[in-house]
Every structure is written in structure tokens, then in C-alpha cells.
Protein backbone atom coordinates (compact mmCIF):
# COMPACT_ATOMS: atom_id res chain seq x y z
CA UNK A 1 72.42 20.02 -7.66
CA UNK A 2 73.83 17.46 -10.09
CA UNK A 3 71.59 14.48 -10.79
CA UNK A 4 73.50 12.72 -13.58
CA UNK A 5 77.03 11.61 -14.38
CA UNK A 6 78.13 11.68 -18.01
CA UNK A 7 79.50 8.48 -19.56
CA UNK A 8 83.03 9.75 -20.51
CA UNK A 9 83.68 10.56 -16.85
CA UNK A 10 82.51 7.26 -15.45
CA UNK A 11 85.60 5.01 -15.73
CA UNK A 12 88.04 7.27 -13.87
CA UNK A 13 85.34 8.08 -11.35
CA UNK A 14 84.72 4.37 -10.71
CA UNK A 15 88.46 3.84 -10.23
CA UNK A 16 88.59 6.62 -7.64
CA UNK A 17 85.52 5.28 -5.85
CA UNK A 18 87.01 1.79 -5.67
CA UNK A 19 90.26 3.16 -4.26
CA UNK A 20 88.30 5.20 -1.74
CA UNK A 21 86.30 2.26 -0.39
CA UNK A 22 89.42 0.09 -0.21
CA UNK A 23 91.24 2.71 1.88
CA UNK A 24 91.40 2.57 5.66
CA UNK A 25 90.02 -0.43 7.55
CA UNK A 26 86.31 -0.64 6.81
CA UNK A 27 85.97 -4.02 8.49
CA UNK A 28 87.01 -2.55 11.82
CA UNK A 29 84.86 0.52 11.23
CA UNK A 30 81.80 -1.56 10.35
CA UNK A 31 81.87 -3.58 13.58
CA UNK A 32 80.37 -0.54 15.32
CA UNK A 33 77.57 -0.55 12.70
CA UNK A 34 76.48 -4.16 13.21
CA UNK A 35 73.70 -3.55 15.73
CA UNK A 36 72.04 -1.09 13.37
CA UNK A 37 72.41 -3.55 10.51
CA UNK A 38 70.76 -6.25 12.61
CA UNK A 39 67.81 -3.98 13.41
CA UNK A 40 67.38 -3.07 9.74
CA UNK A 41 67.58 -6.73 8.68
CA UNK A 42 65.20 -8.05 11.36
CA UNK A 43 62.50 -5.57 10.35
CA UNK A 44 62.41 -7.25 6.94
CA UNK A 45 61.31 -10.59 8.45
CA UNK A 46 62.89 -12.69 5.69
CA UNK A 47 62.04 -16.45 5.78
CA UNK A 48 64.85 -18.98 5.85
CA UNK A 49 65.65 -20.38 2.43
CA UNK A 50 65.05 -17.15 0.54
CA UNK A 51 67.65 -15.99 -1.96
CA UNK A 52 69.01 -12.62 -0.81
CA UNK A 53 71.41 -10.30 -2.61
CA UNK A 54 73.14 -7.64 -0.51
CA UNK A 55 74.45 -4.88 -2.79
CA UNK A 56 77.50 -2.92 -1.59
CA UNK A 57 77.77 -5.42 1.25
CA UNK A 58 80.97 -4.09 2.81
CA UNK A 59 82.51 -6.72 5.07
CA UNK A 60 79.16 -8.42 5.62
CA UNK A 61 77.49 -6.53 8.44
CA UNK A 62 73.96 -7.19 7.09
CA UNK A 63 74.60 -10.29 4.98
CA UNK A 64 76.05 -12.29 7.85
CA UNK A 65 72.99 -11.69 10.03
CA UNK A 66 70.84 -13.11 7.24
CA UNK A 67 73.15 -16.09 6.68
CA UNK A 68 72.98 -16.98 10.36
CA UNK A 69 69.19 -17.23 9.96
CA UNK A 70 69.41 -19.71 7.11
CA UNK A 71 68.82 -17.19 4.32
CA UNK A 72 70.74 -18.00 1.11
CA UNK A 73 72.99 -14.96 0.92
CA UNK A 74 75.06 -13.45 -1.86
CA UNK A 75 76.97 -10.24 -1.25
CA UNK A 76 78.65 -7.98 -3.79
CA UNK A 77 80.92 -4.99 -3.27
CA UNK A 78 83.14 -2.87 -5.49
CA UNK A 79 86.06 -3.23 -3.05
CA UNK A 80 87.67 -6.66 -3.34
CA UNK A 81 89.43 -6.40 0.03
CA UNK A 82 86.02 -6.07 1.72
CA UNK A 83 84.67 -9.04 -0.23
CA UNK A 84 87.60 -11.16 0.94
CA UNK A 85 87.02 -10.11 4.53
CA UNK A 86 83.30 -10.88 4.36
CA UNK A 87 84.02 -14.32 2.90
CA UNK A 88 86.60 -15.02 5.60
CA UNK A 89 84.10 -14.06 8.31
CA UNK A 90 81.48 -16.36 6.79
CA UNK A 91 83.92 -19.25 6.60
CA UNK A 92 85.04 -18.71 10.19
CA UNK A 93 81.41 -19.15 11.29
CA UNK A 94 80.72 -22.06 8.95
CA UNK A 95 78.17 -20.07 6.97
CA UNK A 96 77.41 -20.83 3.32
CA UNK A 97 77.11 -17.20 2.23
CA UNK A 98 79.03 -16.25 -0.90
CA UNK A 99 80.68 -12.90 -1.55
CA UNK A 100 82.09 -11.52 -4.78
CA UNK A 101 83.41 -8.34 -6.29
CA UNK A 102 80.65 -6.56 -8.17
CA UNK A 103 79.36 -3.17 -9.24
CA UNK A 104 75.93 -1.95 -8.15
CA UNK A 105 75.55 -0.49 -11.65
CA UNK A 106 76.31 -3.79 -13.40
CA UNK A 107 75.28 -6.70 -11.20
CA UNK A 108 76.60 -10.05 -12.50
CA UNK A 109 73.30 -11.96 -12.21
CA UNK A 110 70.41 -13.02 -14.40
CA UNK A 111 67.09 -11.18 -14.31
CA UNK A 112 64.88 -12.09 -11.35
CA UNK A 113 67.57 -14.10 -9.55
CA UNK A 114 66.74 -13.04 -5.96
CA UNK A 115 63.71 -12.99 -3.69
CA UNK A 116 65.13 -10.09 -1.69
CA UNK A 117 67.61 -7.39 -2.73
CA UNK A 118 69.04 -5.23 0.04
CA UNK A 119 71.44 -2.32 0.25
CA UNK A 120 72.11 -0.70 3.61
CA UNK A 121 74.03 2.59 3.28
CA UNK A 122 75.72 1.16 0.20
CA UNK A 123 74.27 1.51 -3.30
CA UNK A 124 73.41 5.11 -2.48
CA UNK A 125 77.08 5.96 -3.13
CA UNK A 126 77.20 4.66 -6.71
CA UNK A 127 77.61 7.50 -9.23
CA UNK A 128 74.62 6.78 -11.52
CA UNK A 129 71.52 6.30 -9.36
CA UNK A 130 69.21 5.73 -12.32
CA UNK A 131 71.41 2.78 -13.38
CA UNK A 132 71.48 1.43 -9.82
CA UNK A 133 67.68 1.58 -9.64
CA UNK A 134 67.35 -0.39 -12.89
CA UNK A 135 69.78 -3.02 -11.66
CA UNK A 136 68.12 -3.48 -8.26
CA UNK A 137 64.79 -3.94 -10.03
CA UNK A 138 66.22 -6.22 -12.71
CA UNK A 139 67.78 -8.82 -10.42
CA UNK A 140 64.77 -8.96 -8.05
CA UNK A 141 62.12 -11.55 -8.88
CA UNK A 142 58.53 -10.39 -9.54
CA UNK A 143 56.78 -10.05 -6.19
CA UNK A 144 60.15 -9.91 -4.43
CA UNK A 145 61.37 -7.25 -2.02
CA UNK A 146 63.86 -4.44 -2.52
CA UNK A 147 65.01 -2.88 0.74
CA UNK A 148 67.34 0.08 1.12
CA UNK A 149 68.56 2.18 4.02
CA UNK A 150 69.84 5.60 2.86
CA UNK A 151 71.13 8.58 4.83
CA UNK A 152 68.81 11.58 4.60
CA UNK A 153 69.94 15.10 3.63
CA UNK A 154 68.59 16.50 6.90
CA UNK A 155 70.02 13.85 9.25
CA UNK A 156 73.31 13.76 11.11
CA UNK A 157 75.28 12.14 8.28
CA UNK A 158 73.82 14.64 5.81
CA UNK A 159 75.17 17.38 8.07
CA UNK A 160 78.53 15.62 8.19
CA UNK A 161 78.63 15.54 4.38
CA UNK A 162 77.97 19.29 4.35
CA UNK A 163 80.93 19.78 6.66
CA UNK A 164 83.19 17.87 4.26
CA UNK A 165 81.82 19.90 1.34
CA UNK A 166 83.38 23.04 2.84
CA UNK A 167 86.82 21.52 2.28
CA UNK A 168 86.49 19.01 -0.58
CA UNK A 169 85.62 19.85 -4.19
CA UNK A 170 82.42 18.18 -5.45
CA UNK A 171 82.88 14.85 -7.22
CA UNK A 172 80.55 15.64 -10.11
CA UNK A 173 78.22 12.79 -9.20
CA UNK A 174 74.70 13.21 -7.79
CA UNK A 175 74.59 13.74 -4.03
CA UNK A 176 74.29 10.29 -2.38
CA UNK A 177 71.78 11.66 0.15
CA UNK A 178 69.25 12.19 -2.65
CA UNK A 179 68.51 8.48 -2.06
CA UNK A 180 67.24 9.68 1.33
CA UNK A 181 64.61 11.95 -0.24
CA UNK A 182 61.18 10.30 -0.58
CA UNK A 183 60.25 12.13 -3.79
CA UNK A 184 63.52 11.21 -5.47
CA UNK A 185 63.24 7.55 -4.46
CA UNK A 186 59.68 7.44 -5.74
CA UNK A 187 60.84 8.81 -9.08
CA UNK A 188 63.68 6.30 -9.33
CA UNK A 189 61.81 3.14 -8.31
CA UNK A 190 58.07 3.59 -8.63
CA UNK A 191 57.69 2.51 -12.26
CA UNK A 192 59.06 -0.93 -11.43
CA UNK A 193 57.20 -1.69 -8.20
CA UNK A 194 53.65 -2.41 -7.09
CA UNK A 195 54.14 -1.10 -3.56
CA UNK A 196 56.58 1.39 -2.07
CA UNK A 197 56.79 2.14 1.64
CA UNK A 198 59.19 4.67 3.10
CA UNK A 199 59.77 5.73 6.68
CA UNK A 200 62.46 7.67 8.48
CA UNK A 201 64.36 5.81 11.16
CA UNK A 202 67.39 6.43 13.34
CA UNK A 203 70.62 4.46 13.05
CA UNK A 204 72.26 4.74 16.44
CA UNK A 205 76.00 5.41 16.27
CA UNK A 206 77.35 4.06 19.56
CA UNK A 207 81.04 4.14 20.50
CA UNK A 208 82.68 3.41 23.88
CA UNK A 209 84.86 6.51 23.61
CA UNK A 210 84.35 10.29 23.26
CA UNK A 211 83.66 12.20 20.03
CA UNK A 212 87.30 13.19 19.41
CA UNK A 213 88.19 9.49 19.20
CA UNK A 214 85.22 8.84 16.92
CA UNK A 215 86.65 11.38 14.47
CA UNK A 216 90.00 9.58 14.73
CA UNK A 217 88.28 6.26 13.97
CA UNK A 218 86.59 7.69 10.88
CA UNK A 219 89.86 9.24 9.74
CA UNK A 220 91.83 6.00 10.10
CA UNK A 221 89.27 3.42 9.05
CA UNK A 222 86.41 4.86 6.96
CA UNK A 223 87.61 5.13 3.37
CA UNK A 224 85.87 8.38 2.32
CA UNK A 225 86.99 10.19 5.48
CA UNK A 226 90.49 8.70 5.22
CA UNK A 227 90.86 9.94 1.63
CA UNK A 228 89.32 13.33 2.39
CA UNK A 229 91.85 14.06 5.11
CA UNK A 230 94.70 12.74 2.94
CA UNK A 231 93.77 15.25 0.23
CA UNK A 232 94.05 18.28 2.53
CA UNK A 233 97.04 20.28 3.67
CA UNK A 234 97.52 20.46 7.41
CA UNK A 235 95.76 23.76 8.18
CA UNK A 236 92.60 22.61 6.39
CA UNK A 237 92.87 19.11 7.85
CA UNK A 238 93.08 20.58 11.35
CA UNK A 239 90.08 22.82 10.67
CA UNK A 240 88.04 19.90 9.29
CA UNK A 241 88.89 17.80 12.33
CA UNK A 242 87.82 20.65 14.61
CA UNK A 243 84.48 21.05 12.83
CA UNK A 244 83.80 17.30 12.85
CA UNK A 245 84.56 17.06 16.57
CA UNK A 246 82.19 19.96 17.22
CA UNK A 247 79.46 18.31 15.13
CA UNK A 248 79.76 14.97 16.92
CA UNK A 249 79.92 16.66 20.33
CA UNK A 250 76.85 18.80 19.68
CA UNK A 251 74.76 15.71 18.82
CA UNK A 252 76.22 13.38 21.44
CA UNK A 253 73.83 11.90 24.00
CA UNK A 254 76.44 9.72 25.68
CA UNK A 255 78.18 12.08 28.09
CA UNK A 256 81.91 12.75 28.34
CA UNK A 257 83.26 9.23 27.89
CA UNK A 258 80.81 7.72 25.39
CA UNK A 259 79.46 8.76 22.01
CA UNK A 260 75.81 8.05 21.20
CA UNK A 261 74.46 9.88 18.15
CA UNK A 262 71.22 9.11 16.28
CA UNK A 263 71.64 9.36 12.51
CA UNK A 264 68.48 9.53 10.43
CA UNK A 265 68.08 7.27 7.40
CA UNK A 266 65.24 6.57 5.00
CA UNK A 267 64.03 2.97 5.08
CA UNK A 268 62.78 2.03 1.61
CA UNK A 269 60.74 -1.18 1.16
CA UNK A 270 59.48 -1.90 -2.37
CA UNK A 271 57.65 -4.86 -3.92
CA UNK A 272 58.88 -5.69 -7.41
CA UNK A 273 56.21 -5.53 -10.11
């Protein structure tokens, strides 16, 4: 399994990743993720007035919860359309959160700028995890908190990634779900922290419609799924859709008209040295 991405490949890969995350309608997709983001955020128990950086913030599903609590929030994301949407949402609520385009591998901030650095199902998708780890540590103040939520290889989303891998050629970058492996996370972060706590939790996917419509939602709105389907000819696209529907149906706890699927992630809480 690849664990590194060579430098000559990185610029075109970053361009493709940016295009991928700008595809579809992530803002609509993320609205179904907000309850899970709230649960993740509330477990951190962040005092009002703290400076928080949310890396790969999407359209603000975690950052906006923090801003509503009086936390001083900055969000960065590689996709400028998501940054614009997050800023518009903050302005509509009269929140002072700021959002900007930014790369998890090259954060545009001074060393030790933030009390808390978060990334919920975000920075795990950057192509050079060792660079991401250095950046998360660099911008966090000594004694501050770094908090990540990362899909695990064994969980539902890890299984979904394996389904896509049957149809899509590998990207050449390390598997994102390695951020959901405790030993790998320890290797990437431990030298820069004084405390590292990891526990497996479930992110509850809940949709008021059946699994077939969930697959449609992912295909229309979630950039990676949108681009994956667009890259396939119809017979393979139909087969992928069939396998995804079967996967969602086999894990569904919501009955015929609802979809309720627990997806395991690794909660990572580190104290910056």
C-alpha cells in the first residue's frame, strides 16, 4: 500500500483533487452530516473565545457550530466554492467566522496561531499525510488541541472505498483511511504531542429516503462519487451503482423508507507539545 506521493506528481494531483471537491453540490450533501459534526464538536468542549482553525472545512458543518458558541473560528478548504458557501452561511447568521481558500499541506498561518485545530473527515484526503501532520502541529499553539475524525479502513466508508476501488484506478496517493489506523496516526503525530487519545466512534448517516436515493445523492452531490461515476462507461457505472445500493441496504437499520447507517471513524485528540 502506497504511503508517499512523489513531488513531481503533486501539482497535477492537487489540481485533480481541487476539481473533485468542487464537483457536485457538497453544501447540500453536507447538510445531512451536520448532526454528526455537532456531536464531534461538542465532545471537544471548547471554551468561548478560543481561536479555532478548521482544516478542510467544507461548507462549514463543524466551524459554524463552533462560531455559534462564541469560538473565534477560521476555516480553510481547497475548494473555493465551498469557502464562499461557508462564508455566506456565516454572514446569514451574523457570525464572525472567517473562511478562506487554503491547502492542508500549506496552511497560510504563523506558527502557533490557534488554540484548537480540527479536521473532521477532511485533511485525511490530502495526498501527503506526513506534510499534513507537520502543518497541523505547526499552526497549533503549545498546549493546544488537535482533533481529527477519520474514517477507518474497517468501517462502512472504508468498505465503500473498497467498492469504488473495483472500478477506479488507484490515485497513487496513500489511502486516506490510513488516518483511521491508530498505529499510523501515532507514527504521524506522536513526536509533536504530549498526549494522544484515540477512540473509535460511529458517525450516523441518516437520510429520510431509502438506500437507492442515498446512492443518487452521493452521485449528484458528493464530489468524489460524482467524478467516479463520470469517469465510467455505462455498464461499469450501472454495476457500481448496483454494488453501492447493495452495500447501503445491507447496513441499513432504517427500514424500507429510511436509511440509517453507522459509519465508524477514529476520533483523534492530541495535545501539542
